[in-house]
Amino acid sequence: MGAILFAQEDYTKHQLGMNASKFVVIFNEQVNNLDLTYRYSLSDKQRIRFASSIDVSTEEGDITAYEIRLGYDFNLKDTERWNFYTGFDVTYGQSVTTSTDRLSRHFGPYVFLGVLFKMGKHFSLSTEPSLAILRKIRKDPESFNPEADANWTEIKFLNVGQIKVGFHF
């Protein structure tokens, strides 16, 4: 005599997200725009994450920039419609001012608290206010200012008011 049990997962393994802050402006001056995100569920409570953004401008004197993040998050509380979670990301970003060849880099950890509203099994809205500790490095080879090249550390809140639209599958 044998029995076969099939477990059905009531959560989706993958989530693609897009920053909707360019369409919904709330506290826009504090939004660090990461345009695309991907989360992979290790279980119904834990996920690994990847996010990236690219900003390319063709106007003279503008900045070309990119950023990538890798991270982990886990549930604090999960209900039928709401998911409260926390986690951390590590980031690396770089920007170049095209007219002056000024190069700026930053890297460091982000700690965040996330709130996700489920609009059904496949769609969600979320926000993740973050505390970031970033090491910043600026190189300006064309400047005569001796302080143009600099290194410093910033601690600041980011992504306050950022809204992400998610697709779960």
Foldseek 3Di string as FASTA:
>chain_A
DDDDDDDDDLAFFKKKKAWCCVVPPDVVVQADHFGIKMWGDPHPFKIKIKTKDWDDDDDQQDKTKMKIKIWMKGFPDDDPFKTKIKIKIWMKMWMARVNQRKIKIKIFMKIWIKMWTDPDRFKIKMFIKIWTWMWMWIDGPPDPDPPRTDIDIDTDIHRVVIMMMMTGD
